[in-house]
Amino acid sequence: LEVTVRELCKPNEFERYMMFIGDLEKVVSLLLCLSSRLARVQNAMRRI
C-alpha cells in the first residue's frame, strides 16, 4: 500500500500518510499499555 500511495500521491500527501501509519501503532500501543497498567493498579487497590 505504501508503494501505491508513494506512486500516486504528492510528496507532502505521502508524508502525511506515513506519519499517520507510524502514529497509529504508537498511539494504539500507548493506550493499551496505559490501560493495562491502570488495570493492574486498580487490582492492587482492590486488595488493600
All heavy atoms as atom14 arrays in JSON, in Angstrom:
{
  "sequence": "LEVTVRELCKPNEFERYMMFIGDLEKVVSLLLCLSSRLARVQNAMRRI",
  "atom14_mask": [
    [1, 1, 1, 1, 1, 1, 1, 1, 0, 0, 0, 0, 0, 0],
    [1, 1, 1, 1, 1, 1, 1, 1, 1, 0, 0, 0, 0, 0],
    [1, 1, 1, 1, 1, 1, 1, 0, 0, 0, 0, 0, 0, 0],
    [1, 1, 1, 1, 1, 1, 1, 0, 0, 0, 0, 0, 0, 0],
    [1, 1, 1, 1, 1, 1, 1, 0, 0, 0, 0, 0, 0, 0],
    [1, 1, 1, 1, 1, 1, 1, 1, 1, 1, 1, 0, 0, 0],
    [1, 1, 1, 1, 1, 1, 1, 1, 1, 0, 0, 0, 0, 0],
    [1, 1, 1, 1, 1, 1, 1, 1, 0, 0, 0, 0, 0, 0],
    [1, 1, 1, 1, 1, 1, 0, 0, 0, 0, 0, 0, 0, 0],
    [1, 1, 1, 1, 1, 1, 1, 1, 1, 0, 0, 0, 0, 0],
    [1, 1, 1, 1, 1, 1, 1, 0, 0, 0, 0, 0, 0, 0],
    [1, 1, 1, 1, 1, 1, 1, 1, 0, 0, 0, 0, 0, 0],
    [1, 1, 1, 1, 1, 1, 1, 1, 1, 0, 0, 0, 0, 0],
    [1, 1, 1, 1, 1, 1, 1, 1, 1, 1, 1, 0, 0, 0],
    [1, 1, 1, 1, 1, 1, 1, 1, 1, 0, 0, 0, 0, 0],
    [1, 1, 1, 1, 1, 1, 1, 1, 1, 1, 1, 0, 0, 0],
    [1, 1, 1, 1, 1, 1, 1, 1, 1, 1, 1, 1, 0, 0],
    [1, 1, 1, 1, 1, 1, 1, 1, 0, 0, 0, 0, 0, 0],
    [1, 1, 1, 1, 1, 1, 1, 1, 0, 0, 0, 0, 0, 0],
    [1, 1, 1, 1, 1, 1, 1, 1, 1, 1, 1, 0, 0, 0],
    [1, 1, 1, 1, 1, 1, 1, 1, 0, 0, 0, 0, 0, 0],
    [1, 1, 1, 1, 0, 0, 0, 0, 0, 0, 0, 0, 0, 0],
    [1, 1, 1, 1, 1, 1, 1, 1, 0, 0, 0, 0, 0, 0],
    [1, 1, 1, 1, 1, 1, 1, 1, 0, 0, 0, 0, 0, 0],
    [1, 1, 1, 1, 1, 1, 1, 1, 1, 0, 0, 0, 0, 0],
    [1, 1, 1, 1, 1, 1, 1, 1, 1, 0, 0, 0, 0, 0],
    [1, 1, 1, 1, 1, 1, 1, 0, 0, 0, 0, 0, 0, 0],
    [1, 1, 1, 1, 1, 1, 1, 0, 0, 0, 0, 0, 0, 0],
    [1, 1, 1, 1, 1, 1, 0, 0, 0, 0, 0, 0, 0, 0],
    [1, 1, 1, 1, 1, 1, 1, 1, 0, 0, 0, 0, 0, 0],
    [1, 1, 1, 1, 1, 1, 1, 1, 0, 0, 0, 0, 0, 0],
    [1, 1, 1, 1, 1, 1, 1, 1, 0, 0, 0, 0, 0, 0],
    [1, 1, 1, 1, 1, 1, 0, 0, 0, 0, 0, 0, 0, 0],
    [1, 1, 1, 1, 1, 1, 1, 1, 0, 0, 0, 0, 0, 0],
    [1, 1, 1, 1, 1, 1, 0, 0, 0, 0, 0, 0, 0, 0],
    [1, 1, 1, 1, 1, 1, 0, 0, 0, 0, 0, 0, 0, 0],
    [1, 1, 1, 1, 1, 1, 1, 1, 1, 1, 1, 0, 0, 0],
    [1, 1, 1, 1, 1, 1, 1, 1, 0, 0, 0, 0, 0, 0],
    [1, 1, 1, 1, 1, 0, 0, 0, 0, 0, 0, 0, 0, 0],
    [1, 1, 1, 1, 1, 1, 1, 1, 1, 1, 1, 0, 0, 0],
    [1, 1, 1, 1, 1, 1, 1, 0, 0, 0, 0, 0, 0, 0],
    [1, 1, 1, 1, 1, 1, 1, 1, 1, 0, 0, 0, 0, 0],
    [1, 1, 1, 1, 1, 1, 1, 1, 0, 0, 0, 0, 0, 0],
    [1, 1, 1, 1, 1, 0, 0, 0, 0, 0, 0, 0, 0, 0],
    [1, 1, 1, 1, 1, 1, 1, 1, 0, 0, 0, 0, 0, 0],
    [1, 1, 1, 1, 1, 1, 1, 1, 1, 1, 1, 0, 0, 0],
    [1, 1, 1, 1, 1, 1, 1, 1, 1, 1, 1, 0, 0, 0],
    [1, 1, 1, 1, 1, 1, 1, 1, 0, 0, 0, 0, 0, 0]
  ],
  "atom14_positions": [
    [[0.83, -1.2, 0.0], [0.0, 0.0, 0.0], [0.87, 1.26, 0.0], [0.59, 2.23, -0.72], [-0.93, -0.02, 1.23], [-2.03, 1.01, 1.31], [-2.96, 0.93, 0.1], [-2.83, 0.81, 2.59], [0.0, 0.0, 0.0], [0.0, 0.0, 0.0], [0.0, 0.0, 0.0], [0.0, 0.0, 0.0], [0.0, 0.0, 0.0], [0.0, 0.0, 0.0]],
    [[1.94, 1.2, 0.76], [2.87, 2.33, 0.82], [3.45, 2.64, -0.56], [3.54, 3.81, -0.96], [3.99, 2.01, 1.8], [5.01, 3.1, 1.96], [6.12, 2.71, 2.92], [5.86, 1.97, 3.9], [7.26, 3.15, 2.68], [0.0, 0.0, 0.0], [0.0, 0.0, 0.0], [0.0, 0.0, 0.0], [0.0, 0.0, 0.0], [0.0, 0.0, 0.0]],
    [[3.82, 1.61, -1.3], [4.37, 1.8, -2.65], [3.32, 2.46, -3.54], [3.62, 3.42, -4.26], [4.83, 0.44, -3.25], [5.14, 0.57, -4.73], [6.05, -0.08, -2.49], [0.0, 0.0, 0.0], [0.0, 0.0, 0.0], [0.0, 0.0, 0.0], [0.0, 0.0, 0.0], [0.0, 0.0, 0.0], [0.0, 0.0, 0.0], [0.0, 0.0, 0.0]],
    [[2.09, 1.98, -3.47], [1.0, 2.54, -4.27], [0.78, 4.01, -3.93], [0.67, 4.85, -4.83], [-0.31, 1.74, -4.04], [-0.08, 0.37, -4.38], [-1.44, 2.3, -4.88], [0.0, 0.0, 0.0], [0.0, 0.0, 0.0], [0.0, 0.0, 0.0], [0.0, 0.0, 0.0], [0.0, 0.0, 0.0], [0.0, 0.0, 0.0], [0.0, 0.0, 0.0]],
    [[0.72, 4.31, -2.63], [0.47, 5.69, -2.2], [1.63, 6.59, -2.62], [1.41, 7.71, -3.09], [0.24, 5.74, -0.67], [0.19, 7.18, -0.16], [-1.04, 5.0, -0.29], [0.0, 0.0, 0.0], [0.0, 0.0, 0.0], [0.0, 0.0, 0.0], [0.0, 0.0, 0.0], [0.0, 0.0, 0.0], [0.0, 0.0, 0.0], [0.0, 0.0, 0.0]],
    [[2.86, 6.08, -2.51], [4.04, 6.87, -2.92], [3.96, 7.21, -4.41], [4.26, 8.32, -4.82], [5.32, 6.12, -2.62], [6.58, 6.92, -2.98], [7.86, 6.1, -2.9], [8.05, 5.43, -1.64], [8.77, 5.92, -0.61], [9.35, 7.09, -0.72], [8.9, 5.24, 0.5], [0.0, 0.0, 0.0], [0.0, 0.0, 0.0], [0.0, 0.0, 0.0]],
    [[3.54, 6.24, -5.22], [3.47, 6.44, -6.66], [2.37, 7.42, -7.06], [2.53, 8.17, -8.02], [3.23, 5.1, -7.37], [4.41, 4.17, -7.32], [4.08, 2.78, -7.86], [2.89, 2.49, -8.15], [5.02, 1.97, -7.97], [0.0, 0.0, 0.0], [0.0, 0.0, 0.0], [0.0, 0.0, 0.0], [0.0, 0.0, 0.0], [0.0, 0.0, 0.0]],
    [[1.24, 7.41, -6.34], [0.07, 8.18, -6.77], [-0.05, 9.56, -6.14], [-0.58, 10.47, -6.76], [-1.21, 7.38, -6.47], [-1.36, 6.04, -7.22], [-2.6, 5.31, -6.73], [-1.42, 6.27, -8.72], [0.0, 0.0, 0.0], [0.0, 0.0, 0.0], [0.0, 0.0, 0.0], [0.0, 0.0, 0.0], [0.0, 0.0, 0.0], [0.0, 0.0, 0.0]],
    [[0.41, 9.7, -4.93], [0.19, 10.96, -4.2], [1.36, 11.92, -4.34], [2.47, 11.53, -4.69], [-0.04, 10.66, -2.71], [-1.55, 9.76, -2.37], [0.0, 0.0, 0.0], [0.0, 0.0, 0.0], [0.0, 0.0, 0.0], [0.0, 0.0, 0.0], [0.0, 0.0, 0.0], [0.0, 0.0, 0.0], [0.0, 0.0, 0.0], [0.0, 0.0, 0.0]],
    [[1.08, 13.18, -4.0], [2.13, 14.19, -3.94], [3.01, 13.87, -2.74], [2.55, 13.25, -1.77], [1.51, 15.58, -3.77], [0.64, 16.0, -4.93], [-0.05, 17.33, -4.62], [-1.07, 17.66, -5.71], [-1.96, 18.75, -5.31], [0.0, 0.0, 0.0], [0.0, 0.0, 0.0], [0.0, 0.0, 0.0], [0.0, 0.0, 0.0], [0.0, 0.0, 0.0]],
    [[4.27, 14.33, -2.76], [5.18, 14.01, -1.65], [4.65, 14.43, -0.27], [4.77, 13.67, 0.69], [6.46, 14.79, -2.0], [6.42, 14.91, -3.49], [4.96, 15.03, -3.85], [0.0, 0.0, 0.0], [0.0, 0.0, 0.0], [0.0, 0.0, 0.0], [0.0, 0.0, 0.0], [0.0, 0.0, 0.0], [0.0, 0.0, 0.0], [0.0, 0.0, 0.0]],
    [[4.04, 15.61, -0.16], [3.54, 16.04, 1.15], [2.35, 15.17, 1.6], [2.17, 14.91, 2.79], [3.17, 17.52, 1.15], [2.03, 17.85, 0.19], [1.88, 17.24, -0.88], [1.21, 18.82, 0.57], [0.0, 0.0, 0.0], [0.0, 0.0, 0.0], [0.0, 0.0, 0.0], [0.0, 0.0, 0.0], [0.0, 0.0, 0.0], [0.0, 0.0, 0.0]],
    [[1.54, 14.7, 0.65], [0.42, 13.82, 0.99], [0.93, 12.45, 1.42], [0.41, 11.85, 2.36], [-0.52, 13.69, -0.22], [-1.22, 14.99, -0.56], [-1.93, 14.95, -1.9], [-1.47, 14.22, -2.81], [-2.94, 15.66, -2.04], [0.0, 0.0, 0.0], [0.0, 0.0, 0.0], [0.0, 0.0, 0.0], [0.0, 0.0, 0.0], [0.0, 0.0, 0.0]],
    [[1.96, 11.98, 0.71], [2.56, 10.71, 1.09], [3.15, 10.8, 2.5], [3.0, 9.88, 3.3], [3.65, 10.31, 0.08], [4.42, 9.1, 0.5], [3.82, 7.84, 0.47], [5.74, 9.2, 0.92], [4.53, 6.71, 0.87], [6.45, 8.07, 1.31], [5.85, 6.82, 1.29], [0.0, 0.0, 0.0], [0.0, 0.0, 0.0], [0.0, 0.0, 0.0]],
    [[3.78, 11.92, 2.79], [4.36, 12.13, 4.13], [3.27, 12.11, 5.2], [3.46, 11.53, 6.28], [5.13, 13.46, 4.16], [6.0, 13.65, 5.37], [7.1, 12.59, 5.48], [7.65, 12.19, 4.43], [7.37, 12.16, 6.6], [0.0, 0.0, 0.0], [0.0, 0.0, 0.0], [0.0, 0.0, 0.0], [0.0, 0.0, 0.0], [0.0, 0.0, 0.0]],
    [[2.15, 12.73, 4.91], [1.01, 12.71, 5.85], [0.54, 11.29, 6.1], [0.24, 10.9, 7.23], [-0.16, 13.5, 5.27], [-0.24, 14.9, 5.79], [-1.53, 15.48, 5.32], [-2.07, 16.27, 6.4], [-2.87, 17.28, 6.23], [-3.26, 17.63, 5.04], [-3.32, 17.95, 7.26], [0.0, 0.0, 0.0], [0.0, 0.0, 0.0], [0.0, 0.0, 0.0]],
    [[0.44, 10.51, 5.02], [0.04, 9.11, 5.12], [1.02, 8.35, 6.02], [0.61, 7.63, 6.93], [-0.03, 8.48, 3.72], [-0.15, 6.98, 3.76], [-1.39, 6.37, 3.97], [0.97, 6.16, 3.58], [-1.49, 4.99, 4.02], [0.86, 4.78, 3.62], [-0.37, 4.2, 3.85], [-0.47, 2.84, 3.9], [0.0, 0.0, 0.0], [0.0, 0.0, 0.0]],
    [[2.31, 8.49, 5.76], [3.33, 7.77, 6.52], [3.32, 8.17, 7.99], [3.47, 7.32, 8.87], [4.71, 7.99, 5.9], [4.9, 7.34, 4.54], [4.58, 5.56, 4.55], [5.89, 4.99, 5.62], [0.0, 0.0, 0.0], [0.0, 0.0, 0.0], [0.0, 0.0, 0.0], [0.0, 0.0, 0.0], [0.0, 0.0, 0.0], [0.0, 0.0, 0.0]],
    [[3.15, 9.45, 8.26], [3.09, 9.91, 9.65], [1.88, 9.3, 10.36], [1.97, 8.86, 11.5], [3.04, 11.43, 9.72], [4.38, 12.08, 9.47], [4.34, 13.88, 9.56], [3.71, 14.14, 11.19], [0.0, 0.0, 0.0], [0.0, 0.0, 0.0], [0.0, 0.0, 0.0], [0.0, 0.0, 0.0], [0.0, 0.0, 0.0], [0.0, 0.0, 0.0]],
    [[0.74, 9.27, 9.66], [-0.46, 8.68, 10.25], [-0.24, 7.21, 10.57], [-0.53, 6.75, 11.67], [-1.68, 8.85, 9.34], [-2.81, 7.94, 9.73], [-3.54, 8.2, 10.87], [-3.1, 6.8, 8.99], [-4.56, 7.35, 11.27], [-4.12, 5.95, 9.37], [-4.85, 6.23, 10.52], [0.0, 0.0, 0.0], [0.0, 0.0, 0.0], [0.0, 0.0, 0.0]],
    [[0.29, 6.44, 9.62], [0.5, 5.0, 9.82], [1.47, 4.76, 10.99], [1.25, 3.89, 11.83], [1.0, 4.32, 8.52], [-0.08, 4.37, 7.44], [1.44, 2.88, 8.78], [-1.38, 3.66, 7.78], [0.0, 0.0, 0.0], [0.0, 0.0, 0.0], [0.0, 0.0, 0.0], [0.0, 0.0, 0.0], [0.0, 0.0, 0.0], [0.0, 0.0, 0.0]],
    [[2.54, 5.54, 11.04], [3.5, 5.41, 12.14], [2.89, 5.74, 13.48], [3.1, 5.04, 14.48], [0.0, 0.0, 0.0], [0.0, 0.0, 0.0], [0.0, 0.0, 0.0], [0.0, 0.0, 0.0], [0.0, 0.0, 0.0], [0.0, 0.0, 0.0], [0.0, 0.0, 0.0], [0.0, 0.0, 0.0], [0.0, 0.0, 0.0], [0.0, 0.0, 0.0]],
    [[2.1, 6.82, 13.52], [1.47, 7.23, 14.78], [0.36, 6.29, 15.21], [0.09, 6.14, 16.39], [0.93, 8.66, 14.65], [2.03, 9.7, 14.58], [3.21, 9.34, 14.84], [1.74, 10.87, 14.26], [0.0, 0.0, 0.0], [0.0, 0.0, 0.0], [0.0, 0.0, 0.0], [0.0, 0.0, 0.0], [0.0, 0.0, 0.0], [0.0, 0.0, 0.0]],
    [[-0.28, 5.63, 14.24], [-1.34, 4.68, 14.55], [-0.83, 3.62, 15.53], [-1.42, 3.37, 16.57], [-1.87, 4.02, 13.27], [-2.89, 2.9, 13.44], [-4.19, 3.45, 13.99], [-3.13, 2.2, 12.1], [0.0, 0.0, 0.0], [0.0, 0.0, 0.0], [0.0, 0.0, 0.0], [0.0, 0.0, 0.0], [0.0, 0.0, 0.0], [0.0, 0.0, 0.0]],
    [[0.27, 3.01, 15.18], [0.82, 1.96, 16.04], [1.25, 2.51, 17.4], [0.98, 1.91, 18.44], [2.01, 1.29, 15.35], [2.52, 0.09, 16.09], [3.48, -0.75, 15.28], [3.52, -0.62, 14.04], [4.19, -1.55, 15.91], [0.0, 0.0, 0.0], [0.0, 0.0, 0.0], [0.0, 0.0, 0.0], [0.0, 0.0, 0.0], [0.0, 0.0, 0.0]],
    [[1.88, 3.68, 17.39], [2.35, 4.26, 18.65], [1.2, 4.6, 19.58], [1.24, 4.29, 20.78], [3.17, 5.52, 18.36], [4.49, 5.26, 17.69], [5.16, 6.57, 17.31], [6.34, 6.32, 16.39], [6.75, 7.52, 15.68], [0.0, 0.0, 0.0], [0.0, 0.0, 0.0], [0.0, 0.0, 0.0], [0.0, 0.0, 0.0], [0.0, 0.0, 0.0]],
    [[0.15, 5.23, 19.05], [-0.96, 5.67, 19.9], [-1.76, 4.48, 20.42], [-2.1, 4.42, 21.6], [-1.87, 6.68, 19.15], [-3.13, 6.97, 19.93], [-1.1, 7.98, 18.88], [0.0, 0.0, 0.0], [0.0, 0.0, 0.0], [0.0, 0.0, 0.0], [0.0, 0.0, 0.0], [0.0, 0.0, 0.0], [0.0, 0.0, 0.0], [0.0, 0.0, 0.0]],
    [[-2.03, 3.51, 19.55], [-2.77, 2.33, 19.99], [-1.96, 1.57, 21.05], [-2.5, 1.17, 22.09], [-3.14, 1.42, 18.8], [-3.69, 0.09, 19.27], [-4.16, 2.11, 17.89], [0.0, 0.0, 0.0], [0.0, 0.0, 0.0], [0.0, 0.0, 0.0], [0.0, 0.0, 0.0], [0.0, 0.0, 0.0], [0.0, 0.0, 0.0], [0.0, 0.0, 0.0]],
    [[-0.67, 1.41, 20.82], [0.19, 0.72, 21.79], [0.22, 1.47, 23.12], [0.17, 0.85, 24.19], [1.6, 0.55, 21.24], [1.59, -0.3, 20.13], [0.0, 0.0, 0.0], [0.0, 0.0, 0.0], [0.0, 0.0, 0.0], [0.0, 0.0, 0.0], [0.0, 0.0, 0.0], [0.0, 0.0, 0.0], [0.0, 0.0, 0.0], [0.0, 0.0, 0.0]],
    [[0.32, 2.79, 23.05], [0.32, 3.6, 24.27], [-0.98, 3.43, 25.05], [-0.96, 3.21, 26.27], [0.53, 5.08, 23.93], [0.46, 6.07, 25.09], [1.59, 5.83, 26.07], [0.49, 7.5, 24.57], [0.0, 0.0, 0.0], [0.0, 0.0, 0.0], [0.0, 0.0, 0.0], [0.0, 0.0, 0.0], [0.0, 0.0, 0.0], [0.0, 0.0, 0.0]],
    [[-2.1, 3.5, 24.37], [-3.4, 3.31, 25.02], [-3.51, 1.94, 25.68], [-3.97, 1.82, 26.82], [-4.53, 3.48, 24.0], [-5.27, 4.79, 24.01], [-6.23, 4.87, 22.83], [-5.98, 5.04, 25.3], [0.0, 0.0, 0.0], [0.0, 0.0, 0.0], [0.0, 0.0, 0.0], [0.0, 0.0, 0.0], [0.0, 0.0, 0.0], [0.0, 0.0, 0.0]],
    [[-3.08, 0.92, 24.97], [-3.15, -0.43, 25.51], [-2.25, -0.59, 26.73], [-2.64, -1.18, 27.74], [-2.75, -1.45, 24.44], [-3.7, -1.59, 23.27], [-3.09, -2.48, 22.18], [-5.04, -2.15, 23.72], [0.0, 0.0, 0.0], [0.0, 0.0, 0.0], [0.0, 0.0, 0.0], [0.0, 0.0, 0.0], [0.0, 0.0, 0.0], [0.0, 0.0, 0.0]],
    [[-1.06, -0.04, 26.65], [-0.1, -0.13, 27.75], [-0.64, 0.59, 28.99], [-0.61, 0.05, 30.1], [1.23, 0.46, 27.32], [2.49, 0.44, 28.6], [0.0, 0.0, 0.0], [0.0, 0.0, 0.0], [0.0, 0.0, 0.0], [0.0, 0.0, 0.0], [0.0, 0.0, 0.0], [0.0, 0.0, 0.0], [0.0, 0.0, 0.0], [0.0, 0.0, 0.0]],
    [[-1.14, 1.8, 28.8], [-1.66, 2.56, 29.93], [-2.89, 1.88, 30.54], [-3.03, 1.83, 31.77], [-2.0, 4.0, 29.51], [-0.8, 4.89, 29.2], [-1.25, 6.2, 28.58], [0.02, 5.14, 30.46], [0.0, 0.0, 0.0], [0.0, 0.0, 0.0], [0.0, 0.0, 0.0], [0.0, 0.0, 0.0], [0.0, 0.0, 0.0], [0.0, 0.0, 0.0]],
    [[-3.75, 1.35, 29.7], [-4.94, 0.66, 30.21], [-4.55, -0.57, 31.01], [-5.13, -0.84, 32.06], [-5.86, 0.26, 29.06], [-6.39, 1.41, 28.44], [0.0, 0.0, 0.0], [0.0, 0.0, 0.0], [0.0, 0.0, 0.0], [0.0, 0.0, 0.0], [0.0, 0.0, 0.0], [0.0, 0.0, 0.0], [0.0, 0.0, 0.0], [0.0, 0.0, 0.0]],
    [[-3.56, -1.29, 30.54], [-3.08, -2.48, 31.23], [-2.47, -2.11, 32.59], [-2.76, -2.74, 33.61], [-2.05, -3.18, 30.36], [-1.45, -4.23, 31.04], [0.0, 0.0, 0.0], [0.0, 0.0, 0.0], [0.0, 0.0, 0.0], [0.0, 0.0, 0.0], [0.0, 0.0, 0.0], [0.0, 0.0, 0.0], [0.0, 0.0, 0.0], [0.0, 0.0, 0.0]],
    [[-1.63, -1.09, 32.59], [-1.01, -0.66, 33.85], [-2.05, -0.15, 34.83], [-1.98, -0.43, 36.02], [0.05, 0.41, 33.56], [1.26, -0.16, 32.84], [2.25, 0.9, 32.42], [2.78, 1.62, 33.57], [3.42, 2.79, 33.48], [3.62, 3.35, 32.29], [3.87, 3.37, 34.55], [0.0, 0.0, 0.0], [0.0, 0.0, 0.0], [0.0, 0.0, 0.0]],
    [[-3.03, 0.59, 34.32], [-4.09, 1.1, 35.17], [-4.9, -0.05, 35.77], [-5.24, -0.03, 36.97], [-5.0, 2.04, 34.37], [-6.08, 2.79, 35.15], [-5.47, 3.65, 36.25], [-6.89, 3.67, 34.2], [0.0, 0.0, 0.0], [0.0, 0.0, 0.0], [0.0, 0.0, 0.0], [0.0, 0.0, 0.0], [0.0, 0.0, 0.0], [0.0, 0.0, 0.0]],
    [[-5.19, -1.08, 34.98], [-5.93, -2.24, 35.49], [-5.15, -2.94, 36.6], [-5.74, -3.36, 37.61], [-6.22, -3.21, 34.35], [0.0, 0.0, 0.0], [0.0, 0.0, 0.0], [0.0, 0.0, 0.0], [0.0, 0.0, 0.0], [0.0, 0.0, 0.0], [0.0, 0.0, 0.0], [0.0, 0.0, 0.0], [0.0, 0.0, 0.0], [0.0, 0.0, 0.0]],
    [[-3.82, -3.05, 36.44], [-3.02, -3.69, 37.48], [-3.05, -2.88, 38.77], [-3.15, -3.45, 39.87], [-1.58, -3.89, 37.0], [-1.43, -5.07, 36.05], [0.01, -5.5, 35.87], [0.86, -4.5, 35.25], [1.02, -4.36, 33.94], [0.39, -5.16, 33.11], [1.81, -3.44, 33.46], [0.0, 0.0, 0.0], [0.0, 0.0, 0.0], [0.0, 0.0, 0.0]],
    [[-2.98, -1.56, 38.66], [-3.03, -0.71, 39.85], [-4.41, -0.83, 40.51], [-4.52, -0.92, 41.74], [-2.7, 0.76, 39.5], [-3.03, 1.69, 40.65], [-1.22, 0.9, 39.13], [0.0, 0.0, 0.0], [0.0, 0.0, 0.0], [0.0, 0.0, 0.0], [0.0, 0.0, 0.0], [0.0, 0.0, 0.0], [0.0, 0.0, 0.0], [0.0, 0.0, 0.0]],
    [[-5.48, -0.85, 39.7], [-6.82, -0.99, 40.26], [-6.98, -2.32, 40.97], [-7.61, -2.38, 42.04], [-7.88, -0.83, 39.15], [-7.99, 0.6, 38.67], [-8.83, 0.75, 37.41], [-8.99, -0.18, 36.63], [-9.37, 1.95, 37.2], [0.0, 0.0, 0.0], [0.0, 0.0, 0.0], [0.0, 0.0, 0.0], [0.0, 0.0, 0.0], [0.0, 0.0, 0.0]],
    [[-6.42, -3.38, 40.41], [-6.45, -4.69, 41.08], [-5.72, -4.64, 42.41], [-6.19, -5.18, 43.41], [-5.86, -5.78, 40.19], [-6.77, -6.17, 39.06], [-7.98, -5.96, 39.11], [-6.19, -6.74, 38.01], [0.0, 0.0, 0.0], [0.0, 0.0, 0.0], [0.0, 0.0, 0.0], [0.0, 0.0, 0.0], [0.0, 0.0, 0.0], [0.0, 0.0, 0.0]],
    [[-4.57, -3.98, 42.42], [-3.81, -3.84, 43.67], [-4.6, -3.02, 44.69], [-4.58, -3.33, 45.89], [-2.46, -3.18, 43.39], [0.0, 0.0, 0.0], [0.0, 0.0, 0.0], [0.0, 0.0, 0.0], [0.0, 0.0, 0.0], [0.0, 0.0, 0.0], [0.0, 0.0, 0.0], [0.0, 0.0, 0.0], [0.0, 0.0, 0.0], [0.0, 0.0, 0.0]],
    [[-5.32, -2.01, 44.22], [-6.12, -1.18, 45.13], [-7.28, -1.98, 45.74], [-7.66, -1.75, 46.88], [-6.65, 0.06, 44.41], [-5.55, 1.06, 44.07], [-6.14, 2.45, 43.1], [-6.86, 3.46, 44.4], [0.0, 0.0, 0.0], [0.0, 0.0, 0.0], [0.0, 0.0, 0.0], [0.0, 0.0, 0.0], [0.0, 0.0, 0.0], [0.0, 0.0, 0.0]],
    [[-7.82, -2.93, 44.97], [-8.9, -3.78, 45.49], [-8.41, -4.7, 46.62], [-9.2, -5.14, 47.44], [-9.53, -4.62, 44.38], [-10.53, -3.87, 43.54], [-11.34, -4.86, 42.7], [-11.66, -4.39, 41.38], [-10.87, -4.25, 40.33], [-9.64, -4.56, 40.42], [-11.29, -3.82, 39.18], [0.0, 0.0, 0.0], [0.0, 0.0, 0.0], [0.0, 0.0, 0.0]],
    [[-7.13, -5.0, 46.6], [-6.56, -5.89, 47.62], [-6.16, -5.14, 48.88], [-5.7, -5.75, 49.85], [-5.35, -6.63, 47.04], [-5.73, -7.67, 45.98], [-4.57, -8.56, 45.59], [-3.45, -7.84, 45.02], [-3.27, -7.63, 43.71], [-4.14, -8.08, 42.84], [-2.21, -6.98, 43.27], [0.0, 0.0, 0.0], [0.0, 0.0, 0.0], [0.0, 0.0, 0.0]],
    [[-6.32, -3.83, 48.89], [-5.99, -3.04, 50.07], [-6.93, -3.45, 51.2], [-8.14, -3.56, 51.02], [-6.13, -1.52, 49.79], [-5.01, -1.05, 48.86], [-6.11, -0.73, 51.09], [-5.11, 0.41, 48.47], [0.0, 0.0, 0.0], [0.0, 0.0, 0.0], [0.0, 0.0, 0.0], [0.0, 0.0, 0.0], [0.0, 0.0, 0.0], [0.0, 0.0, 0.0]]
  ]
}
